[in-house]
Amino acid sequence: MFGVILGKAIFEKIPINSYLDRTLLRQLLCVDNTVTLADMFGYDKELFQSWNFLLNNQINDMGLETYFVVAKENSDNSTIDSV
């Protein structure tokens, strides 16, 4: 619905005072349709910093492994490593 309103306002040359996300603006202007990590900065700064840290640092020895414990009736719990 927002696209219809925005398109109508552009067609009628009505100025709209609103903030458009960098990714949306680039797609509207047909500059580049690929979404990059830098686009996340304008959307969510904390998420951008987290993903940037994961990309730029060795995370193998940080203890970020994920594992699941599966409980079955009448048997011992077993640990399954995720891949």
Protein backbone atom coordinates (compact mmCIF):
# COMPACT_ATOMS: atom_id res chain seq x y z
CA MET A 1 0.00 0.00 0.00
CA PHE A 2 2.89 2.35 0.76
CA GLY A 3 4.23 1.87 -2.76
CA VAL A 4 0.91 2.89 -4.29
CA ILE A 5 0.74 6.03 -2.17
CA LEU A 6 4.37 6.88 -2.87
CA GLY A 7 3.91 6.29 -6.60
CA LYS A 8 0.79 8.45 -6.68
CA ALA A 9 2.59 11.25 -4.82
CA ILE A 10 5.53 11.12 -7.22
CA PHE A 11 3.18 11.09 -10.23
CA GLU A 12 1.22 14.07 -8.89
CA LYS A 13 4.47 15.86 -7.90
CA ILE A 14 3.39 16.07 -4.26
CA PRO A 15 6.35 16.38 -1.87
CA ILE A 16 6.35 13.84 0.96
CA ASN A 17 8.40 14.44 4.07
CA SER A 18 9.37 10.89 5.01
CA TYR A 19 12.48 8.81 5.58
CA LEU A 20 13.21 6.06 3.06
CA ASP A 21 15.63 3.30 3.89
CA ARG A 22 18.83 3.24 1.83
CA THR A 23 18.03 -0.17 0.34
CA LEU A 24 14.53 0.87 -0.68
CA LEU A 25 15.79 4.12 -2.14
CA ARG A 26 18.44 2.33 -4.22
CA GLN A 27 15.83 -0.07 -5.58
CA LEU A 28 13.42 2.75 -6.41
CA LEU A 29 16.16 4.58 -8.29
CA CYS A 30 17.32 1.34 -9.99
CA VAL A 31 20.89 1.97 -8.89
CA ASP A 32 21.68 -1.52 -7.66
CA ASN A 33 19.34 -4.31 -6.58
CA THR A 34 21.82 -6.20 -4.43
CA VAL A 35 21.53 -5.89 -0.68
CA THR A 36 24.89 -5.53 1.07
CA LEU A 37 26.01 -5.55 4.68
CA ALA A 38 26.37 -1.76 4.54
CA ASP A 39 22.63 -1.52 3.88
CA MET A 40 21.94 -3.10 7.26
CA PHE A 41 23.62 -0.17 9.01
CA GLY A 42 20.70 2.12 8.23
CA TYR A 43 18.17 -0.53 9.19
CA ASP A 44 19.62 -1.89 12.45
CA LYS A 45 22.97 -0.63 13.72
CA GLU A 46 23.36 -3.33 16.39
CA LEU A 47 22.67 -6.14 13.93
CA PHE A 48 25.14 -4.59 11.47
CA GLN A 49 27.85 -4.48 14.15
CA SER A 50 27.19 -8.10 15.14
CA TRP A 51 27.35 -9.39 11.56
CA ASN A 52 30.41 -7.27 10.82
CA PHE A 53 32.17 -8.72 13.88
CA LEU A 54 31.34 -12.27 12.76
CA LEU A 55 32.71 -11.59 9.27
CA ASN A 56 35.94 -9.91 10.37
CA ASN A 57 36.98 -12.13 13.30
CA GLN A 58 37.83 -15.77 13.86
CA ILE A 59 34.88 -17.19 15.77
CA ASN A 60 36.01 -20.83 15.93
CA ASP A 61 37.54 -20.53 19.41
CA MET A 62 34.93 -18.25 20.98
CA GLY A 63 32.61 -20.96 22.24
CA LEU A 64 29.78 -20.06 19.89
CA GLU A 65 29.04 -23.66 19.03
CA THR A 66 25.44 -24.79 19.04
CA TYR A 67 24.37 -28.20 20.18
CA PHE A 68 21.07 -29.86 20.95
CA VAL A 69 20.14 -32.38 23.59
CA VAL A 70 17.53 -34.86 22.47
CA ALA A 71 15.54 -36.55 25.21
CA LYS A 72 14.03 -39.93 24.42
CA GLU A 73 11.79 -42.00 26.62
CA ASN A 74 13.45 -44.93 28.38
CA SER A 75 16.97 -44.04 27.20
CA ASP A 76 19.86 -41.77 28.02
CA ASN A 77 20.07 -38.24 26.67
CA SER A 78 22.29 -37.91 23.66
CA THR A 79 24.11 -34.85 22.37
CA ILE A 80 24.04 -34.16 18.64
CA ASP A 81 26.46 -31.63 17.17
CA SER A 82 24.96 -29.28 14.63
CA VAL A 83 26.74 -28.82 11.35
